[in-house]
Amino acid sequence: MQASFVRRSAALIYDALLLVAVFFVITAVAVSLNEGEKVSSAGLRFVFLLTAYVFYTWFWLHGGQTLGMRAWRLRLVDANGRAPTWSAVSVRFLVAIGSWTACGLGHVWILIDVHRRAWHDRVSRTFVIYDADHNARSNHPSH
């Protein structure tokens, strides 16, 4: 079943909070390494972007779930229900930036799309599904 706008938004907020915490640590380390002097904002933005890329793509490639998606029982799959490829998750990440810089319109698109897909889902040919049984299966003692 395609994931709802509310579940997807909740997972995004959860993941954003985690990333902000990581960004605080990165900033603290950068300021410390720079002996308290001002850190290049362009350099810091690049590090943040790279960190977000690694965060999302690593989780999407390893189980199809970020921590927020796992909490909300969502999973990223390709059109065949399998794990997406590295190229698909990279395209998804890059188009998601555009989805959000367009005032979030790419994400809100979920509300009008017949398959509940955001712009980045459509372009990367991926789907975010609600998978209540997946977490139960992966936490089962026999696994």
N, C-alpha and C. Protein backbone atom coordinates (compact mmCIF):
# COMPACT_ATOMS: atom_id res chain seq x y z
N MET A 1 0.84 -1.17 0.00
CA MET A 1 0.00 0.00 0.00
C MET A 1 0.89 1.24 0.00
N GLN A 2 0.56 2.23 -0.84
CA GLN A 2 1.33 3.48 -0.90
C GLN A 2 1.18 4.23 0.42
N ALA A 3 2.27 4.80 0.87
CA ALA A 3 2.28 5.52 2.14
C ALA A 3 1.53 6.84 2.04
N SER A 4 0.87 7.20 3.12
CA SER A 4 0.08 8.44 3.15
C SER A 4 0.99 9.66 3.31
N PHE A 5 0.45 10.80 2.96
CA PHE A 5 1.14 12.07 3.10
C PHE A 5 1.52 12.32 4.57
N VAL A 6 0.61 12.02 5.48
CA VAL A 6 0.86 12.26 6.90
C VAL A 6 2.01 11.40 7.41
N ARG A 7 2.00 10.11 7.10
CA ARG A 7 3.08 9.21 7.55
C ARG A 7 4.42 9.65 6.97
N ARG A 8 4.41 9.97 5.68
CA ARG A 8 5.65 10.38 5.03
C ARG A 8 6.18 11.68 5.63
N SER A 9 5.28 12.61 5.91
CA SER A 9 5.69 13.89 6.51
C SER A 9 6.24 13.67 7.91
N ALA A 10 5.62 12.81 8.68
CA ALA A 10 6.09 12.51 10.04
C ALA A 10 7.49 11.89 9.99
N ALA A 11 7.72 10.98 9.07
CA ALA A 11 9.04 10.36 8.92
C ALA A 11 10.08 11.40 8.53
N LEU A 12 9.70 12.32 7.66
CA LEU A 12 10.62 13.39 7.24
C LEU A 12 11.01 14.28 8.42
N ILE A 13 10.04 14.60 9.26
CA ILE A 13 10.31 15.44 10.43
C ILE A 13 11.26 14.71 11.38
N TYR A 14 11.00 13.43 11.61
CA TYR A 14 11.85 12.61 12.47
C TYR A 14 13.29 12.61 11.94
N ASP A 15 13.43 12.36 10.63
CA ASP A 15 14.77 12.34 10.03
C ASP A 15 15.43 13.71 10.07
N ALA A 16 14.64 14.77 9.86
CA ALA A 16 15.19 16.13 9.90
C ALA A 16 15.74 16.44 11.28
N LEU A 17 15.05 16.02 12.33
CA LEU A 17 15.55 16.24 13.69
C LEU A 17 16.87 15.52 13.92
N LEU A 18 16.98 14.31 13.41
CA LEU A 18 18.24 13.57 13.53
C LEU A 18 19.37 14.27 12.78
N LEU A 19 19.07 14.74 11.57
CA LEU A 19 20.09 15.42 10.77
C LEU A 19 20.51 16.74 11.42
N VAL A 20 19.57 17.48 11.96
CA VAL A 20 19.92 18.74 12.63
C VAL A 20 20.88 18.47 13.79
N ALA A 21 20.64 17.40 14.53
CA ALA A 21 21.54 17.04 15.63
C ALA A 21 22.94 16.74 15.09
N VAL A 22 23.01 16.01 13.99
CA VAL A 22 24.31 15.71 13.37
C VAL A 22 24.97 17.00 12.88
N PHE A 23 24.18 17.91 12.31
CA PHE A 23 24.72 19.18 11.83
C PHE A 23 25.29 20.01 12.98
N PHE A 24 24.64 19.96 14.14
CA PHE A 24 25.17 20.66 15.32
C PHE A 24 26.54 20.11 15.70
N VAL A 25 26.67 18.80 15.68
CA VAL A 25 27.95 18.18 16.02
C VAL A 25 29.01 18.57 14.99
N ILE A 26 28.66 18.52 13.72
CA ILE A 26 29.61 18.90 12.66
C ILE A 26 30.06 20.35 12.85
N THR A 27 29.11 21.23 13.14
CA THR A 27 29.44 22.64 13.34
C THR A 27 30.36 22.82 14.55
N ALA A 28 30.06 22.12 15.62
CA ALA A 28 30.90 22.22 16.82
C ALA A 28 32.32 21.75 16.53
N VAL A 29 32.44 20.66 15.80
CA VAL A 29 33.77 20.14 15.45
C VAL A 29 34.50 21.13 14.53
N ALA A 30 33.78 21.68 13.55
CA ALA A 30 34.39 22.63 12.61
C ALA A 30 34.88 23.87 13.34
N VAL A 31 34.08 24.41 14.24
CA VAL A 31 34.48 25.60 15.01
C VAL A 31 35.67 25.26 15.90
N SER A 32 35.63 24.09 16.51
CA SER A 32 36.74 23.66 17.38
C SER A 32 38.04 23.52 16.58
N LEU A 33 37.94 22.90 15.41
CA LEU A 33 39.14 22.72 14.57
C LEU A 33 39.64 24.05 14.03
N ASN A 34 38.76 25.02 13.92
CA ASN A 34 39.13 26.34 13.42
C ASN A 34 39.46 27.30 14.57
N GLU A 35 39.70 26.74 15.75
CA GLU A 35 40.09 27.49 16.94
C GLU A 35 39.13 28.62 17.27
N GLY A 36 37.83 28.36 17.12
CA GLY A 36 36.81 29.33 17.49
C GLY A 36 36.56 30.41 16.47
N GLU A 37 37.32 30.43 15.40
CA GLU A 37 37.13 31.43 14.35
C GLU A 37 35.94 31.06 13.47
N LYS A 38 35.46 32.05 12.72
CA LYS A 38 34.33 31.83 11.82
C LYS A 38 34.68 30.74 10.80
N VAL A 39 33.73 29.85 10.58
CA VAL A 39 33.90 28.75 9.63
C VAL A 39 33.24 29.15 8.32
N SER A 40 33.84 28.77 7.22
CA SER A 40 33.29 29.08 5.90
C SER A 40 31.87 28.52 5.77
N SER A 41 30.90 29.40 5.53
CA SER A 41 29.52 28.93 5.42
C SER A 41 29.33 28.08 4.17
N ALA A 42 30.04 28.40 3.08
CA ALA A 42 29.92 27.60 1.86
C ALA A 42 30.48 26.19 2.10
N GLY A 43 31.59 26.12 2.78
CA GLY A 43 32.19 24.82 3.09
C GLY A 43 31.30 24.00 4.01
N LEU A 44 30.74 24.67 5.01
CA LEU A 44 29.85 24.00 5.95
C LEU A 44 28.58 23.50 5.25
N ARG A 45 28.02 24.32 4.36
CA ARG A 45 26.83 23.89 3.60
C ARG A 45 27.14 22.66 2.75
N PHE A 46 28.33 22.65 2.15
CA PHE A 46 28.73 21.49 1.35
C PHE A 46 28.83 20.24 2.22
N VAL A 47 29.42 20.37 3.39
CA VAL A 47 29.54 19.23 4.32
C VAL A 47 28.15 18.76 4.76
N PHE A 48 27.25 19.70 5.04
CA PHE A 48 25.87 19.34 5.41
C PHE A 48 25.19 18.58 4.28
N LEU A 49 25.34 19.06 3.05
CA LEU A 49 24.72 18.41 1.90
C LEU A 49 25.29 17.00 1.71
N LEU A 50 26.59 16.88 1.83
CA LEU A 50 27.23 15.56 1.71
C LEU A 50 26.77 14.62 2.83
N THR A 51 26.66 15.15 4.03
CA THR A 51 26.19 14.35 5.17
C THR A 51 24.76 13.88 4.94
N ALA A 52 23.89 14.76 4.49
CA ALA A 52 22.50 14.39 4.21
C ALA A 52 22.44 13.34 3.10
N TYR A 53 23.27 13.51 2.07
CA TYR A 53 23.31 12.53 0.97
C TYR A 53 23.70 11.15 1.49
N VAL A 54 24.76 11.10 2.27
CA VAL A 54 25.22 9.82 2.82
C VAL A 54 24.16 9.22 3.75
N PHE A 55 23.56 10.04 4.60
CA PHE A 55 22.53 9.59 5.52
C PHE A 55 21.39 8.92 4.75
N TYR A 56 20.78 9.65 3.83
CA TYR A 56 19.62 9.12 3.12
C TYR A 56 19.96 7.94 2.22
N THR A 57 21.00 8.09 1.39
CA THR A 57 21.29 7.00 0.45
C THR A 57 21.73 5.73 1.17
N TRP A 58 22.49 5.87 2.24
CA TRP A 58 22.94 4.67 2.95
C TRP A 58 21.72 3.91 3.50
N PHE A 59 20.83 4.61 4.16
CA PHE A 59 19.64 3.95 4.72
C PHE A 59 18.73 3.39 3.63
N TRP A 60 18.54 4.14 2.55
CA TRP A 60 17.67 3.65 1.47
C TRP A 60 18.26 2.41 0.81
N LEU A 61 19.58 2.32 0.73
CA LEU A 61 20.21 1.15 0.11
C LEU A 61 20.30 -0.04 1.07
N HIS A 62 20.29 0.23 2.36
CA HIS A 62 20.42 -0.83 3.36
C HIS A 62 19.10 -1.01 4.11
N GLY A 63 18.17 -1.63 3.48
CA GLY A 63 16.88 -1.93 4.10
C GLY A 63 15.74 -1.05 3.63
N GLY A 64 16.05 -0.02 2.83
CA GLY A 64 15.00 0.83 2.28
C GLY A 64 14.33 1.74 3.28
N GLN A 65 14.94 1.92 4.46
CA GLN A 65 14.31 2.72 5.50
C GLN A 65 15.31 3.60 6.22
N THR A 66 14.98 4.90 6.30
CA THR A 66 15.72 5.77 7.22
C THR A 66 15.18 5.46 8.62
N LEU A 67 15.75 6.07 9.63
CA LEU A 67 15.25 5.83 10.98
C LEU A 67 13.81 6.34 11.13
N GLY A 68 13.51 7.49 10.53
CA GLY A 68 12.15 8.00 10.56
C GLY A 68 11.18 7.10 9.83
N MET A 69 11.60 6.58 8.68
CA MET A 69 10.75 5.67 7.92
C MET A 69 10.50 4.38 8.71
N ARG A 70 11.51 3.92 9.39
CA ARG A 70 11.35 2.70 10.20
C ARG A 70 10.34 2.92 11.32
N ALA A 71 10.44 4.08 11.97
CA ALA A 71 9.51 4.39 13.06
C ALA A 71 8.06 4.46 12.56
N TRP A 72 7.87 4.92 11.33
CA TRP A 72 6.52 5.07 10.77
C TRP A 72 6.15 3.92 9.83
N ARG A 73 6.97 2.86 9.84
CA ARG A 73 6.73 1.64 9.07
C ARG A 73 6.59 1.90 7.57
N LEU A 74 7.53 2.67 7.07
CA LEU A 74 7.59 2.97 5.65
C LEU A 74 8.83 2.35 5.06
N ARG A 75 8.76 2.05 3.78
CA ARG A 75 9.93 1.45 3.11
C ARG A 75 9.98 1.95 1.68
N LEU A 76 11.17 2.20 1.21
CA LEU A 76 11.40 2.63 -0.16
C LEU A 76 11.67 1.41 -1.03
N VAL A 77 10.93 1.30 -2.13
CA VAL A 77 11.11 0.18 -3.06
C VAL A 77 11.11 0.71 -4.49
N ASP A 78 11.58 -0.13 -5.41
CA ASP A 78 11.48 0.21 -6.82
C ASP A 78 10.13 -0.26 -7.36
N ALA A 79 9.92 -0.13 -8.64
CA ALA A 79 8.63 -0.47 -9.25
C ALA A 79 8.29 -1.96 -9.12
N ASN A 80 9.31 -2.80 -8.90
CA ASN A 80 9.10 -4.24 -8.73
C ASN A 80 9.02 -4.67 -7.28
N GLY A 81 9.03 -3.70 -6.36
CA GLY A 81 8.95 -4.03 -4.94
C GLY A 81 10.28 -4.42 -4.33
N ARG A 82 11.35 -4.25 -5.07
CA ARG A 82 12.69 -4.60 -4.58
C ARG A 82 13.42 -3.36 -4.07
N ALA A 83 14.55 -3.58 -3.47
CA ALA A 83 15.38 -2.46 -3.00
C ALA A 83 15.82 -1.63 -4.19
N PRO A 84 15.82 -0.32 -4.05
CA PRO A 84 16.25 0.54 -5.16
C PRO A 84 17.75 0.47 -5.37
N THR A 85 18.20 0.88 -6.54
CA THR A 85 19.62 0.88 -6.88
C THR A 85 20.28 2.16 -6.38
N TRP A 86 21.61 2.16 -6.40
CA TRP A 86 22.37 3.34 -6.01
C TRP A 86 22.01 4.52 -6.90
N SER A 87 21.89 4.30 -8.21
CA SER A 87 21.56 5.41 -9.10
C SER A 87 20.16 5.94 -8.81
N ALA A 88 19.21 5.07 -8.50
CA ALA A 88 17.84 5.52 -8.20
C ALA A 88 17.80 6.36 -6.93
N VAL A 89 18.52 5.95 -5.89
CA VAL A 89 18.49 6.73 -4.64
C VAL A 89 19.26 8.04 -4.79
N SER A 90 20.29 8.05 -5.63
CA SER A 90 21.02 9.30 -5.88
C SER A 90 20.15 10.29 -6.63
N VAL A 91 19.45 9.82 -7.65
CA VAL A 91 18.52 10.68 -8.39
C VAL A 91 17.42 11.16 -7.46
N ARG A 92 16.91 10.26 -6.65
CA ARG A 92 15.85 10.60 -5.70
C ARG A 92 16.30 11.72 -4.76
N PHE A 93 17.50 11.62 -4.22
CA PHE A 93 18.02 12.63 -3.32
C PHE A 93 18.14 13.99 -4.02
N LEU A 94 18.72 14.00 -5.21
CA LEU A 94 18.92 15.25 -5.93
C LEU A 94 17.61 15.91 -6.32
N VAL A 95 16.64 15.13 -6.79
CA VAL A 95 15.34 15.70 -7.18
C VAL A 95 14.57 16.14 -5.94
N ALA A 96 14.78 15.46 -4.81
CA ALA A 96 14.12 15.87 -3.57
C ALA A 96 14.55 17.28 -3.16
N ILE A 97 15.78 17.63 -3.44
CA ILE A 97 16.23 19.00 -3.15
C ILE A 97 15.36 19.99 -3.93
N GLY A 98 15.13 19.70 -5.20
CA GLY A 98 14.26 20.54 -6.01
C GLY A 98 12.83 20.53 -5.52
N SER A 99 12.37 19.36 -5.07
CA SER A 99 11.01 19.25 -4.54
C SER A 99 10.81 20.18 -3.35
N TRP A 100 11.82 20.31 -2.53
CA TRP A 100 11.71 21.14 -1.33
C TRP A 100 12.02 22.60 -1.62
N THR A 101 12.93 22.88 -2.55
CA THR A 101 13.23 24.29 -2.85
C THR A 101 12.09 24.95 -3.62
N ALA A 102 11.19 24.17 -4.16
CA ALA A 102 9.99 24.72 -4.81
C ALA A 102 8.89 24.87 -3.76
N CYS A 103 9.26 25.38 -2.60
CA CYS A 103 8.33 25.60 -1.47
C CYS A 103 7.62 24.31 -1.04
N GLY A 104 8.28 23.18 -1.20
CA GLY A 104 7.71 21.91 -0.77
C GLY A 104 6.68 21.35 -1.73
N LEU A 105 6.49 21.99 -2.87
CA LEU A 105 5.46 21.54 -3.82
C LEU A 105 5.68 20.10 -4.28
N GLY A 106 6.94 19.72 -4.44
CA GLY A 106 7.24 18.35 -4.87
C GLY A 106 6.77 17.31 -3.87
N HIS A 107 6.79 17.65 -2.60
CA HIS A 107 6.31 16.74 -1.55
C HIS A 107 4.79 16.78 -1.45
N VAL A 108 4.23 17.98 -1.54
CA VAL A 108 2.78 18.14 -1.46
C VAL A 108 2.09 17.44 -2.64
N TRP A 109 2.84 17.23 -3.70
CA TRP A 109 2.32 16.53 -4.88
C TRP A 109 1.73 15.17 -4.52
N ILE A 110 2.18 14.59 -3.44
CA ILE A 110 1.67 13.31 -2.96
C ILE A 110 0.14 13.37 -2.80
N LEU A 111 -0.36 14.52 -2.41
CA LEU A 111 -1.80 14.67 -2.16
C LEU A 111 -2.65 14.58 -3.42
N ILE A 112 -2.08 14.89 -4.57
CA ILE A 112 -2.86 14.85 -5.81
C ILE A 112 -2.48 13.72 -6.75
N ASP A 113 -1.34 13.09 -6.49
CA ASP A 113 -0.88 11.99 -7.34
C ASP A 113 -1.68 10.73 -7.04
N VAL A 114 -2.14 10.06 -8.08
CA VAL A 114 -2.98 8.86 -7.91
C VAL A 114 -2.23 7.74 -7.18
N HIS A 115 -0.90 7.71 -7.30
CA HIS A 115 -0.09 6.68 -6.63
C HIS A 115 0.63 7.22 -5.40
N ARG A 116 0.24 8.43 -4.95
CA ARG A 116 0.84 9.09 -3.78
C ARG A 116 2.36 9.22 -3.91
N ARG A 117 2.79 9.65 -5.07
CA ARG A 117 4.21 9.82 -5.32
C ARG A 117 4.58 11.29 -5.38
N ALA A 118 5.69 11.62 -4.75
CA ALA A 118 6.27 12.96 -4.83
C ALA A 118 7.06 13.06 -6.13
N TRP A 119 7.50 14.26 -6.45
CA TRP A 119 8.30 14.43 -7.66
C TRP A 119 9.51 13.53 -7.67
N HIS A 120 10.19 13.45 -6.53
CA HIS A 120 11.41 12.64 -6.46
C HIS A 120 11.11 11.14 -6.58
N ASP A 121 9.92 10.72 -6.18
CA ASP A 121 9.52 9.32 -6.38
C ASP A 121 9.34 9.05 -7.87
N ARG A 122 8.63 9.95 -8.53
CA ARG A 122 8.32 9.77 -9.95
C ARG A 122 9.59 9.73 -10.79
N VAL A 123 10.47 10.69 -10.58
CA VAL A 123 11.68 10.77 -11.39
C VAL A 123 12.60 9.58 -11.13
N SER A 124 12.72 9.15 -9.89
CA SER A 124 13.62 8.03 -9.56
C SER A 124 12.95 6.67 -9.72
N ARG A 125 11.67 6.68 -10.07
CA ARG A 125 10.89 5.44 -10.25
C ARG A 125 10.90 4.58 -8.98
N THR A 126 10.69 5.27 -7.85
CA THR A 126 10.61 4.58 -6.56
C THR A 126 9.25 4.83 -5.94
N PHE A 127 8.93 4.03 -4.94
CA PHE A 127 7.68 4.15 -4.21
C PHE A 127 7.98 4.07 -2.72
N VAL A 128 7.26 4.85 -1.94
CA VAL A 128 7.33 4.72 -0.48
C VAL A 128 6.06 4.00 -0.08
N ILE A 129 6.24 2.82 0.51
CA ILE A 129 5.08 2.00 0.87
C ILE A 129 4.93 1.92 2.39
N TYR A 130 3.69 1.72 2.81
CA TYR A 130 3.41 1.43 4.21
C TYR A 130 3.55 -0.07 4.36
N ASP A 131 4.43 -0.51 5.24
CA ASP A 131 4.74 -1.93 5.37
C ASP A 131 4.72 -2.31 6.85
N ALA A 132 3.52 -2.44 7.40
CA ALA A 132 3.36 -2.75 8.83
C ALA A 132 3.99 -4.09 9.19
N ASP A 133 3.94 -5.06 8.30
CA ASP A 133 4.47 -6.39 8.60
C ASP A 133 5.98 -6.47 8.51
N HIS A 134 6.62 -5.59 7.73
CA HIS A 134 8.07 -5.67 7.53
C HIS A 134 8.83 -5.55 8.85
N ASN A 135 8.49 -4.57 9.68
CA ASN A 135 9.19 -4.40 10.96
C ASN A 135 8.94 -5.58 11.88
N ALA A 136 7.73 -6.11 11.85
CA ALA A 136 7.42 -7.26 12.70
C ALA A 136 8.26 -8.46 12.27
N ARG A 137 8.40 -8.66 10.95
CA ARG A 137 9.20 -9.78 10.46
C ARG A 137 10.67 -9.61 10.79
N SER A 138 11.20 -8.38 10.62
CA SER A 138 12.62 -8.17 10.86
C SER A 138 12.97 -8.22 12.34
N ASN A 139 12.00 -8.04 13.23
CA ASN A 139 12.26 -8.11 14.68
C ASN A 139 11.92 -9.48 15.27
N HIS A 140 11.47 -10.38 14.44
CA HIS A 140 11.08 -11.71 14.92
C HIS A 140 12.34 -12.48 15.34
N PRO A 141 12.29 -13.20 16.44
CA PRO A 141 13.48 -13.91 16.96
C PRO A 141 14.09 -14.89 15.97
N SER A 142 13.33 -15.42 15.03
CA SER A 142 13.87 -16.41 14.12
C SER A 142 14.70 -15.78 13.00
N HIS A 143 14.74 -14.44 12.93
CA HIS A 143 15.50 -13.77 11.87
C HIS A 143 16.85 -13.36 12.34
